[in-house]
Amino acid sequence: MLKTSTISLENFFENAFKKTKLTNDRQILLSKIAEAIAKEYSVNEVVNLNFICTHNSRRSQLGQVWSYFAANYFNLNINAFSGGTEVTAFYRNTVKTLQKVGFEFNLTDFSHQNPTYEISFHKRKKSILGFSKLYSNPINIEPFMAITTCNNADKNCPFIPTASHRFHLPFVDPKHSDGTKKQEETYLETSEQIAGEVYFIFATVKKLLS
């Protein structure tokens, strides 16, 4: 078991939302995503989200993990998945930034190229698997709502017939900080931004369903 920080996940999640500064266009986009989720949820009582980025190594993984947490936090039956248009690895810096705020990573399949982690947190018995995979991997339950998180995925992602909806929610890739003094800070800021926007989406869904 890879050790985690004692930082409260709940506090980080709530503070990320409080610190989030959204432009009007961004808020409209997040609201549209929430409305689509709420509409599908009201019909099926479950929604599958698939965060898609080219390599499925950073932003899409953060989107999946924070949505997994948000589903428990808001008590919503929403499944979180992620995938890419290429297979690489769940990047180590992404793992580290999630560990620092309290997520637990248990290595279940060691591979230098693409290890698999069982991801959980202290109040959730059910875990999710984290590894780089194609968006069409069988582990990603269909039909799903596709949320692309980088420009490459938005331009190059093929038609996804099983996607009930598709939204483009881009985030700046923290990769640019790899190997620099600002690496840790940059990854934490990216995680915080994604956590804050996921909070906004799920909170809006909860409000629409109430």
Protein backbone atom coordinates (compact mmCIF):
# COMPACT_ATOMS: atom_id res chain seq x y z
CA MET A 1 0.00 0.00 0.00
CA LEU A 2 1.42 3.37 -0.97
CA LYS A 3 1.19 5.75 1.99
CA THR A 4 -1.06 8.76 1.84
CA SER A 5 -1.20 12.17 3.49
CA THR A 6 -3.34 12.95 6.50
CA ILE A 7 -4.85 15.92 4.67
CA SER A 8 -8.64 15.64 4.74
CA LEU A 9 -9.98 14.79 1.32
CA GLU A 10 -13.25 16.45 2.21
CA ASN A 11 -11.50 19.69 3.15
CA PHE A 12 -9.40 19.69 0.00
CA PHE A 13 -12.47 19.04 -2.16
CA GLU A 14 -14.55 21.75 -0.51
CA ASN A 15 -11.71 24.29 -0.51
CA ALA A 16 -10.96 23.55 -4.17
CA PHE A 17 -14.53 24.53 -4.99
CA LYS A 18 -14.36 27.67 -2.85
CA LYS A 19 -11.16 28.77 -4.59
CA THR A 20 -12.42 28.01 -8.09
CA LYS A 21 -12.79 31.11 -10.26
CA LEU A 22 -14.94 30.43 -13.30
CA THR A 23 -15.41 32.59 -16.36
CA ASN A 24 -18.97 32.98 -17.54
CA ASP A 25 -18.30 30.66 -20.50
CA ARG A 26 -16.78 28.01 -18.26
CA GLN A 27 -19.70 28.14 -15.84
CA ILE A 28 -22.15 27.76 -18.74
CA LEU A 29 -20.21 24.72 -19.98
CA LEU A 30 -20.10 23.08 -16.54
CA SER A 31 -23.81 23.76 -16.09
CA LYS A 32 -24.60 22.12 -19.44
CA ILE A 33 -22.66 19.02 -18.40
CA ALA A 34 -24.52 18.93 -15.08
CA GLU A 35 -27.88 19.35 -16.79
CA ALA A 36 -27.15 16.45 -19.16
CA ILE A 37 -26.08 14.25 -16.26
CA ALA A 38 -29.17 15.13 -14.23
CA LYS A 39 -31.49 14.45 -17.17
CA GLU A 40 -29.94 11.05 -17.83
CA TYR A 41 -29.85 10.26 -14.12
CA SER A 42 -33.55 11.03 -13.70
CA VAL A 43 -34.36 8.46 -16.39
CA ASN A 44 -31.84 5.69 -15.68
CA GLU A 45 -30.96 6.34 -12.01
CA VAL A 46 -27.29 5.87 -12.97
CA VAL A 47 -24.80 7.71 -15.16
CA ASN A 48 -21.43 6.58 -16.50
CA LEU A 49 -18.83 9.31 -17.08
CA ASN A 50 -15.75 8.66 -19.20
CA PHE A 51 -12.99 11.29 -19.04
CA ILE A 52 -10.97 11.10 -22.25
CA CYS A 53 -7.55 12.56 -23.03
CA THR A 54 -4.92 11.48 -25.55
CA HIS A 55 -2.62 9.50 -23.24
CA ASN A 56 -4.91 8.84 -20.25
CA SER A 57 -2.06 9.73 -17.94
CA ARG A 58 -2.84 13.01 -16.19
CA ARG A 59 -5.98 15.14 -16.66
CA SER A 60 -8.38 12.34 -17.57
CA GLN A 61 -7.15 10.30 -14.58
CA LEU A 62 -7.69 13.27 -12.27
CA GLY A 63 -11.18 13.72 -13.68
CA GLN A 64 -12.02 10.09 -13.00
CA VAL A 65 -10.62 10.00 -9.47
CA TRP A 66 -12.27 13.23 -8.37
CA SER A 67 -15.60 12.18 -9.88
CA TYR A 68 -15.32 8.86 -8.05
CA PHE A 69 -14.88 10.84 -4.83
CA ALA A 70 -17.67 13.31 -5.71
CA ALA A 71 -20.17 10.52 -6.34
CA ASN A 72 -19.67 9.35 -2.77
CA TYR A 73 -19.57 12.88 -1.33
CA PHE A 74 -22.89 13.82 -2.95
CA ASN A 75 -24.39 10.32 -2.64
CA LEU A 76 -25.04 9.94 -6.36
CA ASN A 77 -25.05 6.72 -8.39
CA ILE A 78 -22.50 7.95 -10.91
CA ASN A 79 -19.66 5.75 -12.19
CA ALA A 80 -16.40 7.42 -13.16
CA PHE A 81 -14.09 6.05 -15.86
CA SER A 82 -11.27 7.35 -18.03
CA GLY A 83 -9.47 6.44 -21.22
CA GLY A 84 -7.36 7.73 -24.05
CA THR A 85 -6.79 7.52 -27.78
CA GLU A 86 -3.39 5.99 -26.91
CA VAL A 87 -2.16 3.81 -24.03
CA THR A 88 0.78 5.10 -21.99
CA ALA A 89 0.73 5.02 -18.15
CA PHE A 90 -0.98 6.57 -15.13
CA TYR A 91 1.81 9.11 -14.74
CA ARG A 92 3.70 8.91 -11.45
CA ASN A 93 3.36 12.64 -10.68
CA THR A 94 -0.42 12.32 -11.05
CA VAL A 95 -0.42 9.44 -8.56
CA LYS A 96 1.71 11.44 -6.12
CA THR A 97 -0.50 14.53 -6.19
CA LEU A 98 -3.58 12.40 -5.43
CA GLN A 99 -1.79 10.57 -2.63
CA LYS A 100 -0.87 13.86 -0.98
CA VAL A 101 -4.52 14.76 -0.44
CA GLY A 102 -5.53 11.38 0.94
CA PHE A 103 -6.27 8.88 -1.82
CA GLU A 104 -4.91 5.38 -1.26
CA PHE A 105 -3.12 3.61 -4.10
CA ASN A 106 -2.58 -0.14 -3.88
CA LEU A 107 -0.37 -1.55 -6.64
CA THR A 108 -2.18 -4.61 -8.01
CA ASP A 109 -0.33 -5.23 -11.27
CA PHE A 110 3.27 -4.07 -11.55
CA SER A 111 4.49 -3.01 -14.96
CA HIS A 112 7.28 -0.59 -15.79
CA GLN A 113 5.23 0.57 -18.75
CA ASN A 114 1.71 0.70 -17.31
CA PRO A 115 1.11 -0.38 -13.68
CA THR A 116 -2.41 -0.89 -12.33
CA TYR A 117 -3.53 0.68 -9.05
CA GLU A 118 -6.53 -0.04 -6.87
CA ILE A 119 -7.65 3.43 -5.74
CA SER A 120 -9.77 4.10 -2.66
CA PHE A 121 -10.20 6.47 0.28
CA HIS A 122 -11.01 6.01 3.94
CA LYS A 123 -14.80 6.34 3.75
CA ARG A 124 -15.30 4.24 0.65
CA LYS A 125 -15.05 0.45 0.64
CA LYS A 126 -15.54 0.16 -3.12
CA SER A 127 -12.37 1.00 -5.07
CA ILE A 128 -11.66 1.83 -8.71
CA LEU A 129 -8.82 0.68 -10.93
CA GLY A 130 -6.35 3.21 -12.26
CA PHE A 131 -4.21 2.50 -15.33
CA SER A 132 -3.78 3.92 -18.80
CA LYS A 133 -6.19 2.41 -21.34
CA LEU A 134 -8.15 3.19 -24.47
CA TYR A 135 -11.47 4.96 -23.92
CA SER A 136 -13.14 1.88 -25.42
CA ASN A 137 -11.62 -0.54 -22.88
CA PRO A 138 -14.29 -3.00 -21.63
CA ILE A 139 -13.81 -1.74 -18.06
CA ASN A 140 -15.50 1.51 -19.12
CA ILE A 141 -19.18 0.62 -18.87
CA GLU A 142 -21.32 1.62 -21.85
CA PRO A 143 -23.20 3.70 -22.62
CA PHE A 144 -21.21 6.54 -21.14
CA MET A 145 -21.08 10.31 -21.31
CA ALA A 146 -17.75 11.33 -22.88
CA ILE A 147 -15.88 14.31 -21.41
CA THR A 148 -12.70 15.17 -23.30
CA THR A 149 -10.09 17.05 -21.29
CA CYS A 150 -7.41 18.07 -23.80
CA ASN A 151 -7.32 19.68 -27.22
CA ASN A 152 -5.72 16.70 -28.94
CA ALA A 153 -8.52 14.40 -27.81
CA ASP A 154 -11.13 16.88 -28.96
CA LYS A 155 -9.60 17.14 -32.44
CA ASN A 156 -8.55 13.53 -32.95
CA CYS A 157 -11.07 11.50 -30.95
CA PRO A 158 -13.08 9.32 -33.32
CA PHE A 159 -16.84 9.10 -33.38
CA ILE A 160 -18.01 7.33 -30.22
CA PRO A 161 -21.34 5.64 -30.96
CA THR A 162 -21.87 4.51 -27.38
CA ALA A 163 -21.53 8.01 -25.93
CA SER A 164 -24.88 9.41 -24.85
CA HIS A 165 -23.32 12.91 -24.84
CA ARG A 166 -19.94 14.40 -25.58
CA PHE A 167 -18.52 17.53 -23.97
CA HIS A 168 -15.10 19.15 -24.34
CA LEU A 169 -13.78 20.34 -20.97
CA PRO A 170 -10.11 21.27 -21.56
CA PHE A 171 -7.51 21.70 -18.83
CA VAL A 172 -3.90 22.87 -19.16
CA ASP A 173 -1.58 19.86 -19.17
CA PRO A 174 0.69 19.87 -16.07
CA LYS A 175 3.25 17.94 -18.14
CA HIS A 176 5.00 21.21 -18.98
CA SER A 177 6.28 21.35 -15.38
CA ASP A 178 7.85 17.87 -15.35
CA GLY A 179 11.41 17.99 -14.05
CA THR A 180 11.16 21.62 -12.88
CA LYS A 181 11.04 23.17 -9.42
CA LYS A 182 7.36 23.96 -9.94
CA GLN A 183 6.38 20.38 -10.76
CA GLU A 184 4.74 19.57 -7.42
CA GLU A 185 2.96 22.92 -7.25
CA THR A 186 1.69 22.68 -10.83
CA TYR A 187 0.26 19.18 -10.43
CA LEU A 188 -1.43 20.16 -7.18
CA GLU A 189 -2.96 23.23 -8.82
CA THR A 190 -4.26 21.13 -11.73
CA SER A 191 -5.73 18.59 -9.31
CA GLU A 192 -7.32 21.42 -7.35
CA GLN A 193 -8.86 23.00 -10.46
CA ILE A 194 -10.30 19.70 -11.64
CA ALA A 195 -11.59 18.89 -8.14
CA GLY A 196 -13.26 22.31 -7.90
CA GLU A 197 -14.97 22.02 -11.26
CA VAL A 198 -16.07 18.44 -10.56
CA TYR A 199 -17.57 19.74 -7.30
CA PHE A 200 -19.48 22.39 -9.26
CA ILE A 201 -20.86 19.79 -11.68
CA PHE A 202 -21.93 17.30 -9.02
CA ALA A 203 -23.37 19.96 -6.71
CA THR A 204 -25.45 21.28 -9.63
CA VAL A 205 -26.62 17.75 -10.47
CA LYS A 206 -27.67 17.22 -6.86
CA LYS A 207 -29.58 20.49 -6.85
CA LEU A 208 -31.34 19.71 -10.14
CA LEU A 209 -32.42 16.30 -8.88
CA SER A 210 -33.75 17.59 -5.54
